[in-house]
Amino acid sequence: MPPRRRGWRTVALAAALALLSGCGRPASQAVVVVGAPDSPRLRQVAKGLEEGLAPLPVELVTLPPYGEEGAQTLRRLRAAKPPLFIALGTPALMMLAPVEKRLPVVFAMVANPYFSHAAWDPKRPEFHQLNVTGLASPPPVAQALKQAMALAGARPWGLLYDPRDGAALEAAHIFQRQTGELGLTGLLEETSGPEGDAAALERLLARGAAVLYVPPAATAKRYAPRILAWGRERRVLVVNGHPEISEPGAILTVTLDYEALGREAALLAGRVLAGESPAAIPIRETQPLRIEVDESLVRHWAGYPAPRR
């Protein structure tokens, strides 16, 4: 990874702070980061943000995605009029954007901002709520498919998902579209609870799935241990897309690099703090990747070294 350049960012932030101070705001007032739901990956994005925005103070506030508590917390934060809000996660953006129409908002860690209604048309990323801009980061399903094809060839893929989980549903839609575009067989099964997971996985194998994909969704943690056990037993190839699952068994792991995403969001926030209008900044898609390969599984599935006769 190339070294990060801090010089211009420090100058821009210093200028922004001077402007804010001249407007009657304390120069030390923190940028407020609101995130929902709380998770290890959210904390990684926040760490990247804090590094990228230093020496500007950053206040991280995690919000419950449901109920009145989050709305009350937002009212308190908005009353303080921070120089900038940063929303991490789709639930946080969906809570903040409809009520905050004046203070600038930058979002990150949002797979589909057009679902949140802060933006309207993925074909026109320059059209969005005037005080809001940000980074769209859909799950890197296509990258996982392409990377694994280089290792495993064009084998049939299988994905189990819970349709009640928004992240799982999004991953399933991308999986279905991308397998078709790549000429792969993509097999889907639904499960709505732990009691149906095992049978649904067996159905995928019976239908011919030779590669099982673990999506970056909270509900995937229910059945990922079974899939990874099958990977260790060489029963099936496994590709892991979940950043919080590190158990061995996947021939390939392809996830977003969340700290790098946080640093990208900090660069965007620096532009807004320096005086650039969010209305003039189109929404941009970004997918910084973290890729890991299990060499022992690669050797097994590639048939190397050649079996002895």
C-alpha atoms as a PDB file:
ATOM      1  CA  MET A   1       0.000   0.000   0.000  1.00  0.00           C
ATOM      2  CA  PRO A   2       1.511   3.400  -0.947  1.00  0.00           C
ATOM      3  CA  PRO A   3       2.345   5.802   1.897  1.00  0.00           C
ATOM      4  CA  ARG A   4      -0.448   8.163   2.861  1.00  0.00           C
ATOM      5  CA  ARG A   5       0.052  11.844   2.165  1.00  0.00           C
ATOM      6  CA  ARG A   6      -0.918  14.050   5.047  1.00  0.00           C
ATOM      7  CA  GLY A   7       0.494  17.445   4.067  1.00  0.00           C
ATOM      8  CA  TRP A   8      -2.322  18.896   1.965  1.00  0.00           C
ATOM      9  CA  ARG A   9      -4.929  17.411   4.283  1.00  0.00           C
ATOM     10  CA  THR A  10      -3.419  19.104   7.347  1.00  0.00           C
ATOM     11  CA  VAL A  11      -3.374  22.457   5.549  1.00  0.00           C
ATOM     12  CA  ALA A  12      -6.970  22.035   4.369  1.00  0.00           C
ATOM     13  CA  LEU A  13      -8.188  21.078   7.808  1.00  0.00           C
ATOM     14  CA  ALA A  14      -6.337  23.963   9.406  1.00  0.00           C
ATOM     15  CA  ALA A  15      -8.029  26.344   6.973  1.00  0.00           C
ATOM     16  CA  ALA A  16     -11.381  24.769   7.664  1.00  0.00           C
ATOM     17  CA  LEU A  17     -10.912  25.095  11.397  1.00  0.00           C
ATOM     18  CA  ALA A  18      -9.982  28.742  11.006  1.00  0.00           C
ATOM     19  CA  LEU A  19     -13.159  29.334   9.000  1.00  0.00           C
ATOM     20  CA  LEU A  20     -15.255  27.524  11.562  1.00  0.00           C
ATOM     21  CA  SER A  21     -13.689  29.528  14.373  1.00  0.00           C
ATOM     22  CA  GLY A  22     -14.527  32.738  12.521  1.00  0.00           C
ATOM     23  CA  CYS A  23     -18.158  31.638  12.332  1.00  0.00           C
ATOM     24  CA  GLY A  24     -18.422  31.477  16.101  1.00  0.00           C
ATOM     25  CA  ARG A  25     -17.733  27.748  16.513  1.00  0.00           C
ATOM     26  CA  PRO A  26     -14.912  26.528  18.736  1.00  0.00           C
ATOM     27  CA  ALA A  27     -11.919  25.501  16.604  1.00  0.00           C
ATOM     28  CA  SER A  28     -11.570  22.324  18.684  1.00  0.00           C
ATOM     29  CA  GLN A  29     -15.159  21.189  18.109  1.00  0.00           C
ATOM     30  CA  ALA A  30     -15.177  17.547  17.118  1.00  0.00           C
ATOM     31  CA  VAL A  31     -16.430  16.004  13.925  1.00  0.00           C
ATOM     32  CA  VAL A  32     -19.282  13.731  15.023  1.00  0.00           C
ATOM     33  CA  VAL A  33     -19.314  10.178  13.684  1.00  0.00           C
ATOM     34  CA  VAL A  34     -22.644   8.406  14.142  1.00  0.00           C
ATOM     35  CA  GLY A  35     -22.653   4.682  13.463  1.00  0.00           C
ATOM     36  CA  ALA A  36     -25.263   1.927  13.469  1.00  0.00           C
ATOM     37  CA  PRO A  37     -25.209  -0.863  14.235  1.00  0.00           C
ATOM     38  CA  ASP A  38     -22.073  -1.172  16.350  1.00  0.00           C
ATOM     39  CA  SER A  39     -19.694  -3.864  15.085  1.00  0.00           C
ATOM     40  CA  PRO A  40     -15.972  -4.637  14.760  1.00  0.00           C
ATOM     41  CA  ARG A  41     -15.992  -3.411  11.154  1.00  0.00           C
ATOM     42  CA  LEU A  42     -17.577  -0.095  12.188  1.00  0.00           C
ATOM     43  CA  ARG A  43     -14.802   0.346  14.742  1.00  0.00           C
ATOM     44  CA  GLN A  44     -12.223  -0.332  12.021  1.00  0.00           C
ATOM     45  CA  VAL A  45     -13.724   2.351   9.777  1.00  0.00           C
ATOM     46  CA  ALA A  46     -13.762   4.752  12.740  1.00  0.00           C
ATOM     47  CA  LYS A  47     -10.088   4.011  13.391  1.00  0.00           C
ATOM     48  CA  GLY A  48      -9.221   4.848   9.776  1.00  0.00           C
ATOM     49  CA  LEU A  49     -11.262   8.042  10.044  1.00  0.00           C
ATOM     50  CA  GLU A  50      -9.511   9.104  13.220  1.00  0.00           C
ATOM     51  CA  GLU A  51      -6.105   8.505  11.629  1.00  0.00           C
ATOM     52  CA  GLY A  52      -7.040  10.377   8.473  1.00  0.00           C
ATOM     53  CA  LEU A  53      -8.587  13.383  10.238  1.00  0.00           C
ATOM     54  CA  ALA A  54      -5.869  13.831  12.879  1.00  0.00           C
ATOM     55  CA  PRO A  55      -5.265  16.223  14.567  1.00  0.00           C
ATOM     56  CA  LEU A  56      -8.950  17.157  14.319  1.00  0.00           C
ATOM     57  CA  PRO A  57     -10.891  15.566  17.210  1.00  0.00           C
ATOM     58  CA  VAL A  58     -13.428  12.893  16.271  1.00  0.00           C
ATOM     59  CA  GLU A  59     -16.361  11.817  18.476  1.00  0.00           C
ATOM     60  CA  LEU A  60     -17.811   8.373  17.730  1.00  0.00           C
ATOM     61  CA  VAL A  61     -21.406   7.794  18.839  1.00  0.00           C
ATOM     62  CA  THR A  62     -23.026   4.425  18.157  1.00  0.00           C
ATOM     63  CA  LEU A  63     -26.792   4.451  17.758  1.00  0.00           C
ATOM     64  CA  PRO A  64     -29.302   1.661  18.321  1.00  0.00           C
ATOM     65  CA  PRO A  65     -30.807   1.076  14.869  1.00  0.00           C
ATOM     66  CA  TYR A  66     -34.347   0.885  16.257  1.00  0.00           C
ATOM     67  CA  GLY A  67     -36.415   2.729  18.869  1.00  0.00           C
ATOM     68  CA  GLU A  68     -36.583   6.265  20.206  1.00  0.00           C
ATOM     69  CA  GLU A  69     -33.165   6.291  21.878  1.00  0.00           C
ATOM     70  CA  GLY A  70     -31.342   6.839  18.583  1.00  0.00           C
ATOM     71  CA  ALA A  71     -33.623   9.726  17.600  1.00  0.00           C
ATOM     72  CA  GLN A  72     -33.113  11.399  20.979  1.00  0.00           C
ATOM     73  CA  THR A  73     -29.337  11.042  20.698  1.00  0.00           C
ATOM     74  CA  LEU A  74     -29.400  12.586  17.218  1.00  0.00           C
ATOM     75  CA  ARG A  75     -31.418  15.563  18.481  1.00  0.00           C
ATOM     76  CA  ARG A  76     -28.809  16.207  21.157  1.00  0.00           C
ATOM     77  CA  LEU A  77     -25.923  15.918  18.686  1.00  0.00           C
ATOM     78  CA  ARG A  78     -27.573  18.158  16.093  1.00  0.00           C
ATOM     79  CA  ALA A  79     -28.295  20.833  18.691  1.00  0.00           C
ATOM     80  CA  ALA A  80     -24.520  21.167  19.267  1.00  0.00           C
ATOM     81  CA  LYS A  81     -24.057  22.049  15.535  1.00  0.00           C
ATOM     82  CA  PRO A  82     -20.803  20.161  14.865  1.00  0.00           C
ATOM     83  CA  PRO A  83     -18.774  21.219  11.807  1.00  0.00           C
ATOM     84  CA  LEU A  84     -19.543  17.890  10.111  1.00  0.00           C
ATOM     85  CA  PHE A  85     -21.495  14.678  10.619  1.00  0.00           C
ATOM     86  CA  ILE A  86     -20.094  11.386   9.330  1.00  0.00           C
ATOM     87  CA  ALA A  87     -22.638   8.563   9.090  1.00  0.00           C
ATOM     88  CA  LEU A  88     -21.304   5.000   9.148  1.00  0.00           C
ATOM     89  CA  GLY A  89     -23.715   2.259   8.097  1.00  0.00           C
ATOM     90  CA  THR A  90     -27.040   2.339   6.263  1.00  0.00           C
ATOM     91  CA  PRO A  91     -29.155   2.533   9.463  1.00  0.00           C
ATOM     92  CA  ALA A  92     -27.182   5.584  10.641  1.00  0.00           C
ATOM     93  CA  LEU A  93     -27.609   7.323   7.285  1.00  0.00           C
ATOM     94  CA  MET A  94     -31.320   6.517   7.215  1.00  0.00           C
ATOM     95  CA  MET A  95     -31.748   8.046  10.682  1.00  0.00           C
ATOM     96  CA  LEU A  96     -29.635  11.143  10.066  1.00  0.00           C
ATOM     97  CA  ALA A  97     -30.308  12.246   6.470  1.00  0.00           C
ATOM     98  CA  PRO A  98     -34.104  12.777   6.761  1.00  0.00           C
ATOM     99  CA  VAL A  99     -33.774  15.057   9.792  1.00  0.00           C
ATOM    100  CA  GLU A 100     -30.522  16.926   9.052  1.00  0.00           C
ATOM    101  CA  LYS A 101     -30.870  19.203   6.041  1.00  0.00           C
ATOM    102  CA  ARG A 102     -28.377  21.991   6.856  1.00  0.00           C
ATOM    103  CA  LEU A 103     -25.172  20.669   8.423  1.00  0.00           C
ATOM    104  CA  PRO A 104     -22.904  18.744   6.015  1.00  0.00           C
ATOM    105  CA  VAL A 105     -23.056  14.953   6.152  1.00  0.00           C
ATOM    106  CA  VAL A 106     -20.503  12.495   4.728  1.00  0.00           C
ATOM    107  CA  PHE A 107     -21.379   8.798   4.734  1.00  0.00           C
ATOM    108  CA  ALA A 108     -19.345   5.604   4.415  1.00  0.00           C
ATOM    109  CA  MET A 109     -19.784   1.880   5.021  1.00  0.00           C
ATOM    110  CA  VAL A 110     -23.066   2.042   3.109  1.00  0.00           C
ATOM    111  CA  ALA A 111     -23.638  -0.664   0.489  1.00  0.00           C
ATOM    112  CA  ASN A 112     -26.542   1.020  -1.309  1.00  0.00           C
ATOM    113  CA  PRO A 113     -27.097   4.717  -0.490  1.00  0.00           C
ATOM    114  CA  TYR A 114     -29.963   4.852  -3.007  1.00  0.00           C
ATOM    115  CA  PHE A 115     -31.951   2.584  -0.724  1.00  0.00           C
ATOM    116  CA  SER A 116     -31.541   5.156   2.064  1.00  0.00           C
ATOM    117  CA  HIS A 117     -33.215   7.964   0.010  1.00  0.00           C
ATOM    118  CA  ALA A 118     -30.252  10.277   0.631  1.00  0.00           C
ATOM    119  CA  ALA A 119     -29.562   9.700  -3.073  1.00  0.00           C
ATOM    120  CA  TRP A 120     -31.954   8.722  -5.819  1.00  0.00           C
ATOM    121  CA  ASP A 121     -30.462   7.273  -8.994  1.00  0.00           C
ATOM    122  CA  PRO A 122     -27.335   5.075  -9.183  1.00  0.00           C
ATOM    123  CA  LYS A 123     -26.953   6.140 -12.820  1.00  0.00           C
ATOM    124  CA  ARG A 124     -26.736   9.799 -11.727  1.00  0.00           C
ATOM    125  CA  PRO A 125     -24.487   9.813  -8.626  1.00  0.00           C
ATOM    126  CA  GLU A 126     -24.240  13.609  -8.812  1.00  0.00           C
ATOM    127  CA  PHE A 127     -27.903  13.906  -7.781  1.00  0.00           C
ATOM    128  CA  HIS A 128     -28.380  13.548  -4.040  1.00  0.00           C
ATOM    129  CA  GLN A 129     -29.538  15.405  -0.937  1.00  0.00           C
ATOM    130  CA  LEU A 130     -27.746  18.764  -1.126  1.00  0.00           C
ATOM    131  CA  ASN A 131     -25.971  18.572   2.235  1.00  0.00           C
ATOM    132  CA  VAL A 132     -25.007  14.897   1.863  1.00  0.00           C
ATOM    133  CA  THR A 133     -22.247  13.117  -0.031  1.00  0.00           C
ATOM    134  CA  GLY A 134     -20.302   9.946   0.553  1.00  0.00           C
ATOM    135  CA  LEU A 135     -18.836   6.620  -0.465  1.00  0.00           C
ATOM    136  CA  ALA A 136     -20.908   3.645  -1.568  1.00  0.00           C
ATOM    137  CA  SER A 137     -19.255   0.312  -0.707  1.00  0.00           C
ATOM    138  CA  PRO A 138     -21.267  -2.672  -1.923  1.00  0.00           C
ATOM    139  CA  PRO A 139     -20.024  -6.073  -0.734  1.00  0.00           C
ATOM    140  CA  PRO A 140     -17.155  -7.267  -2.976  1.00  0.00           C
ATOM    141  CA  VAL A 141     -19.009 -10.312  -4.294  1.00  0.00           C
ATOM    142  CA  ALA A 142     -17.867  -9.793  -7.893  1.00  0.00           C
ATOM    143  CA  GLN A 143     -14.234  -9.544  -6.801  1.00  0.00           C
ATOM    144  CA  ALA A 144     -14.561 -12.770  -4.794  1.00  0.00           C
ATOM    145  CA  LEU A 145     -16.031 -14.575  -7.806  1.00  0.00           C
ATOM    146  CA  LYS A 146     -13.300 -13.373 -10.152  1.00  0.00           C
ATOM    147  CA  GLN A 147     -10.459 -14.119  -7.729  1.00  0.00           C
ATOM    148  CA  ALA A 148     -11.800 -17.597  -6.986  1.00  0.00           C
ATOM    149  CA  MET A 149     -12.243 -18.419 -10.678  1.00  0.00           C
ATOM    150  CA  ALA A 150      -8.482 -18.067 -11.057  1.00  0.00           C
ATOM    151  CA  LEU A 151      -8.032 -20.701  -8.324  1.00  0.00           C
ATOM    152  CA  ALA A 152     -11.013 -23.000  -8.807  1.00  0.00           C
ATOM    153  CA  GLY A 153     -12.128 -22.571 -12.391  1.00  0.00           C
ATOM    154  CA  ALA A 154     -15.749 -22.250 -13.486  1.00  0.00           C
ATOM    155  CA  ARG A 155     -17.353 -24.560 -10.913  1.00  0.00           C
ATOM    156  CA  PRO A 156     -20.988 -24.098  -9.791  1.00  0.00           C
ATOM    157  CA  TRP A 157     -21.377 -21.713  -6.852  1.00  0.00           C
ATOM    158  CA  GLY A 158     -23.862 -21.838  -3.996  1.00  0.00           C
ATOM    159  CA  LEU A 159     -25.077 -19.155  -1.584  1.00  0.00           C
ATOM    160  CA  LEU A 160     -27.324 -19.531   1.450  1.00  0.00           C
ATOM    161  CA  TYR A 161     -28.975 -16.337   2.701  1.00  0.00           C
ATOM    162  CA  ASP A 162     -31.625 -15.159   5.127  1.00  0.00           C
ATOM    163  CA  PRO A 163     -34.108 -12.915   3.249  1.00  0.00           C
ATOM    164  CA  ARG A 164     -34.954 -11.043   6.472  1.00  0.00           C
ATOM    165  CA  ASP A 165     -31.351  -9.764   6.662  1.00  0.00           C
ATOM    166  CA  GLY A 166     -30.916  -6.722   4.411  1.00  0.00           C
ATOM    167  CA  ALA A 167     -27.171  -7.245   3.952  1.00  0.00           C
ATOM    168  CA  ALA A 168     -27.720 -10.917   3.073  1.00  0.00           C
ATOM    169  CA  LEU A 169     -30.442 -10.021   0.580  1.00  0.00           C
ATOM    170  CA  GLU A 170     -28.198  -7.406  -1.057  1.00  0.00           C
ATOM    171  CA  ALA A 171     -25.365  -9.957  -1.331  1.00  0.00           C
ATOM    172  CA  ALA A 172     -27.746 -12.517  -2.864  1.00  0.00           C
ATOM    173  CA  HIS A 173     -28.893 -10.038  -5.529  1.00  0.00           C
ATOM    174  CA  ILE A 174     -25.305  -9.159  -6.440  1.00  0.00           C
ATOM    175  CA  PHE A 175     -24.335 -12.856  -6.417  1.00  0.00           C
ATOM    176  CA  GLN A 176     -27.153 -13.769  -8.798  1.00  0.00           C
ATOM    177  CA  ARG A 177     -26.341 -10.916 -11.176  1.00  0.00           C
ATOM    178  CA  GLN A 178     -22.566 -11.408 -11.170  1.00  0.00           C
ATOM    179  CA  THR A 179     -22.581 -15.188 -11.595  1.00  0.00           C
ATOM    180  CA  GLY A 180     -24.756 -14.684 -14.668  1.00  0.00           C
ATOM    181  CA  GLU A 181     -22.454 -12.025 -16.099  1.00  0.00           C
ATOM    182  CA  LEU A 182     -19.396 -14.236 -15.553  1.00  0.00           C
ATOM    183  CA  GLY A 183     -21.022 -17.296 -17.087  1.00  0.00           C
ATOM    184  CA  LEU A 184     -21.069 -19.190 -13.787  1.00  0.00           C
ATOM    185  CA  THR A 185     -23.832 -21.350 -12.376  1.00  0.00           C
ATOM    186  CA  GLY A 186     -25.142 -19.522  -9.282  1.00  0.00           C
ATOM    187  CA  LEU A 187     -27.379 -21.518  -6.939  1.00  0.00           C
ATOM    188  CA  LEU A 188     -29.396 -19.822  -4.177  1.00  0.00           C
ATOM    189  CA  GLU A 189     -31.158 -21.212  -1.120  1.00  0.00           C
ATOM    190  CA  GLU A 190     -33.099 -19.293   1.532  1.00  0.00           C
ATOM    191  CA  THR A 191     -33.194 -19.919   5.250  1.00  0.00           C
ATOM    192  CA  SER A 192     -35.179 -17.980   7.836  1.00  0.00           C
ATOM    193  CA  GLY A 193     -33.673 -19.409  11.005  1.00  0.00           C
ATOM    194  CA  PRO A 194     -31.081 -21.767  12.475  1.00  0.00           C
ATOM    195  CA  GLU A 195     -33.463 -24.719  12.284  1.00  0.00           C
ATOM    196  CA  GLY A 196     -33.383 -24.622   8.476  1.00  0.00           C
ATOM    197  CA  ASP A 197     -29.707 -23.878   7.866  1.00  0.00           C
ATOM    198  CA  ALA A 198     -28.344 -27.432   7.721  1.00  0.00           C
ATOM    199  CA  ALA A 199     -31.016 -28.733   5.337  1.00  0.00           C
ATOM    200  CA  ALA A 200     -30.625 -25.712   3.042  1.00  0.00           C
ATOM    201  CA  LEU A 201     -26.852 -26.238   2.841  1.00  0.00           C
ATOM    202  CA  GLU A 202     -27.340 -29.906   1.995  1.00  0.00           C
ATOM    203  CA  ARG A 203     -29.752 -28.880  -0.760  1.00  0.00           C
ATOM    204  CA  LEU A 204     -27.088 -26.647  -2.276  1.00  0.00           C
ATOM    205  CA  LEU A 205     -24.651 -29.567  -2.402  1.00  0.00           C
ATOM    206  CA  ALA A 206     -27.322 -31.900  -3.829  1.00  0.00           C
ATOM    207  CA  ARG A 207     -28.006 -29.349  -6.582  1.00  0.00           C
ATOM    208  CA  GLY A 208     -24.332 -29.452  -7.559  1.00  0.00           C
ATOM    209  CA  ALA A 209     -22.724 -26.496  -5.744  1.00  0.00           C
ATOM    210  CA  ALA A 210     -18.954 -27.070  -5.691  1.00  0.00           C
ATOM    211  CA  VAL A 211     -18.093 -23.684  -4.163  1.00  0.00           C
ATOM    212  CA  LEU A 212     -19.975 -22.187  -1.193  1.00  0.00           C
ATOM    213  CA  TYR A 213     -19.819 -18.449  -0.573  1.00  0.00           C
ATOM    214  CA  VAL A 214     -20.143 -17.000   2.939  1.00  0.00           C
ATOM    215  CA  PRO A 215     -21.699 -13.520   2.522  1.00  0.00           C
ATOM    216  CA  PRO A 216     -20.780 -10.481   4.665  1.00  0.00           C
ATOM    217  CA  ALA A 217     -24.068 -10.559   6.588  1.00  0.00           C
ATOM    218  CA  ALA A 218     -24.772 -10.949  10.288  1.00  0.00           C
ATOM    219  CA  THR A 219     -27.010 -14.001   9.762  1.00  0.00           C
ATOM    220  CA  ALA A 220     -24.193 -15.839   7.950  1.00  0.00           C
ATOM    221  CA  LYS A 221     -22.466 -16.308  11.300  1.00  0.00           C
ATOM    222  CA  ARG A 222     -25.122 -18.928  12.121  1.00  0.00           C
ATOM    223  CA  TYR A 223     -24.101 -21.373   9.437  1.00  0.00           C
ATOM    224  CA  ALA A 224     -20.545 -20.294   8.537  1.00  0.00           C
ATOM    225  CA  PRO A 225     -18.931 -22.763  11.028  1.00  0.00           C
ATOM    226  CA  ARG A 226     -20.594 -25.704   9.236  1.00  0.00           C
ATOM    227  CA  ILE A 227     -19.488 -24.451   5.806  1.00  0.00           C
ATOM    228  CA  LEU A 228     -15.919 -23.856   6.985  1.00  0.00           C
ATOM    229  CA  ALA A 229     -15.798 -27.324   8.560  1.00  0.00           C
ATOM    230  CA  TRP A 230     -16.742 -28.776   5.168  1.00  0.00           C
ATOM    231  CA  GLY A 231     -13.933 -26.680   3.656  1.00  0.00           C
ATOM    232  CA  ARG A 232     -11.375 -28.117   6.091  1.00  0.00           C
ATOM    233  CA  GLU A 233     -12.656 -31.615   5.311  1.00  0.00           C
ATOM    234  CA  ARG A 234     -12.132 -30.906   1.563  1.00  0.00           C
ATOM    235  CA  ARG A 235     -15.792 -31.668   0.979  1.00  0.00           C
ATOM    236  CA  VAL A 236     -16.386 -28.403  -0.857  1.00  0.00           C
ATOM    237  CA  LEU A 237     -14.484 -25.246  -1.775  1.00  0.00           C
ATOM    238  CA  VAL A 238     -15.335 -22.285   0.454  1.00  0.00           C
ATOM    239  CA  VAL A 239     -14.917 -18.590  -0.304  1.00  0.00           C
ATOM    240  CA  ASN A 240     -15.363 -16.335   2.716  1.00  0.00           C
ATOM    241  CA  GLY A 241     -16.698 -12.807   2.299  1.00  0.00           C
ATOM    242  CA  HIS A 242     -17.361 -12.095   5.990  1.00  0.00           C
ATOM    243  CA  PRO A 243     -14.729  -9.816   7.599  1.00  0.00           C
ATOM    244  CA  GLU A 244     -15.499 -10.973  11.148  1.00  0.00           C
ATOM    245  CA  ILE A 245     -15.048 -14.689  10.451  1.00  0.00           C
ATOM    246  CA  SER A 246     -11.435 -15.861  10.660  1.00  0.00           C
ATOM    247  CA  GLU A 247     -11.941 -19.583  11.247  1.00  0.00           C
ATOM    248  CA  PRO A 248      -9.903 -21.671   8.748  1.00  0.00           C
ATOM    249  CA  GLY A 249     -11.576 -23.617   5.968  1.00  0.00           C
ATOM    250  CA  ALA A 250     -11.867 -21.039   3.176  1.00  0.00           C
ATOM    251  CA  ILE A 251      -9.596 -21.375   0.169  1.00  0.00           C
ATOM    252  CA  LEU A 252     -10.014 -17.620  -0.322  1.00  0.00           C
ATOM    253  CA  THR A 253     -11.166 -14.693   1.814  1.00  0.00           C
ATOM    254  CA  VAL A 254     -12.157 -11.459   0.066  1.00  0.00           C
ATOM    255  CA  THR A 255     -13.482  -8.636   2.244  1.00  0.00           C
ATOM    256  CA  LEU A 256     -13.473  -4.879   2.348  1.00  0.00           C
ATOM    257  CA  ASP A 257     -10.481  -3.275   4.051  1.00  0.00           C
ATOM    258  CA  TYR A 258     -12.448  -1.210   6.548  1.00  0.00           C
ATOM    259  CA  GLU A 259      -9.571   0.860   7.906  1.00  0.00           C
ATOM    260  CA  ALA A 260      -8.659   1.842   4.339  1.00  0.00           C
ATOM    261  CA  LEU A 261     -12.312   2.736   3.776  1.00  0.00           C
ATOM    262  CA  GLY A 262     -12.169   4.970   6.849  1.00  0.00           C
ATOM    263  CA  ARG A 263      -9.101   6.751   5.491  1.00  0.00           C
ATOM    264  CA  GLU A 264     -10.874   7.326   2.159  1.00  0.00           C
ATOM    265  CA  ALA A 265     -13.851   8.778   4.026  1.00  0.00           C
ATOM    266  CA  ALA A 266     -11.464  11.056   5.935  1.00  0.00           C
ATOM    267  CA  LEU A 267     -10.131  12.443   2.644  1.00  0.00           C
ATOM    268  CA  LEU A 268     -13.693  13.214   1.546  1.00  0.00           C
ATOM    269  CA  ALA A 269     -14.524  14.774   4.912  1.00  0.00           C
ATOM    270  CA  GLY A 270     -11.395  16.935   4.606  1.00  0.00           C
ATOM    271  CA  ARG A 271     -12.664  18.338   1.313  1.00  0.00           C
ATOM    272  CA  VAL A 272     -15.993  19.283   2.896  1.00  0.00           C
ATOM    273  CA  LEU A 273     -14.327  20.809   5.958  1.00  0.00           C
ATOM    274  CA  ALA A 274     -12.111  22.862   3.651  1.00  0.00           C
ATOM    275  CA  GLY A 275     -15.222  24.490   2.178  1.00  0.00           C
ATOM    276  CA  GLU A 276     -16.246  22.266  -0.742  1.00  0.00           C
ATOM    277  CA  SER A 277     -20.031  21.881  -0.939  1.00  0.00           C
ATOM    278  CA  PRO A 278     -21.396  18.326  -0.568  1.00  0.00           C
ATOM    279  CA  ALA A 279     -23.899  19.205  -3.298  1.00  0.00           C
ATOM    280  CA  ALA A 280     -21.012  19.473  -5.791  1.00  0.00           C
ATOM    281  CA  ILE A 281     -19.416  16.119  -4.896  1.00  0.00           C
ATOM    282  CA  PRO A 282     -20.927  13.071  -6.629  1.00  0.00           C
ATOM    283  CA  ILE A 283     -21.351   9.880  -4.658  1.00  0.00           C
ATOM    284  CA  ARG A 284     -18.453   7.574  -5.441  1.00  0.00           C
ATOM    285  CA  GLU A 285     -18.262   3.783  -5.259  1.00  0.00           C
ATOM    286  CA  THR A 286     -15.154   2.330  -3.620  1.00  0.00           C
ATOM    287  CA  GLN A 287     -14.148  -1.178  -2.535  1.00  0.00           C
ATOM    288  CA  PRO A 288     -10.680  -1.315  -0.956  1.00  0.00           C
ATOM    289  CA  LEU A 289      -9.971  -5.026  -0.607  1.00  0.00           C
ATOM    290  CA  ARG A 290      -8.297  -7.393   1.820  1.00  0.00           C
ATOM    291  CA  ILE A 291      -7.511 -10.756   0.193  1.00  0.00           C
ATOM    292  CA  GLU A 292      -6.156 -13.877   1.902  1.00  0.00           C
ATOM    293  CA  VAL A 293      -5.428 -17.276   0.343  1.00  0.00           C
ATOM    294  CA  ASP A 294      -5.044 -20.643   2.117  1.00  0.00           C
ATOM    295  CA  GLU A 295      -2.111 -22.168   0.241  1.00  0.00           C
ATOM    296  CA  SER A 296      -2.692 -25.676   1.574  1.00  0.00           C
ATOM    297  CA  LEU A 297      -6.234 -25.712   0.223  1.00  0.00           C
ATOM    298  CA  VAL A 298      -5.070 -24.263  -3.085  1.00  0.00           C
ATOM    299  CA  ARG A 299      -2.543 -27.096  -3.457  1.00  0.00           C
ATOM    300  CA  HIS A 300      -5.203 -29.684  -2.626  1.00  0.00           C
ATOM    301  CA  TRP A 301      -7.838 -28.435  -5.065  1.00  0.00           C
ATOM    302  CA  ALA A 302      -5.280 -27.775  -7.794  1.00  0.00           C
ATOM    303  CA  GLY A 303      -4.038 -31.370  -7.486  1.00  0.00           C
ATOM    304  CA  TYR A 304      -0.485 -30.247  -6.657  1.00  0.00           C
ATOM    305  CA  PRO A 305       1.750 -31.999  -5.889  1.00  0.00           C
ATOM    306  CA  ALA A 306       0.625 -34.749  -8.238  1.00  0.00           C
ATOM    307  CA  PRO A 307      -0.817 -37.789  -6.412  1.00  0.00           C
ATOM    308  CA  ARG A 308       1.465 -40.810  -6.095  1.00  0.00           C
ATOM    309  CA  ARG A 309       0.524 -43.924  -8.021  1.00  0.00           C
END
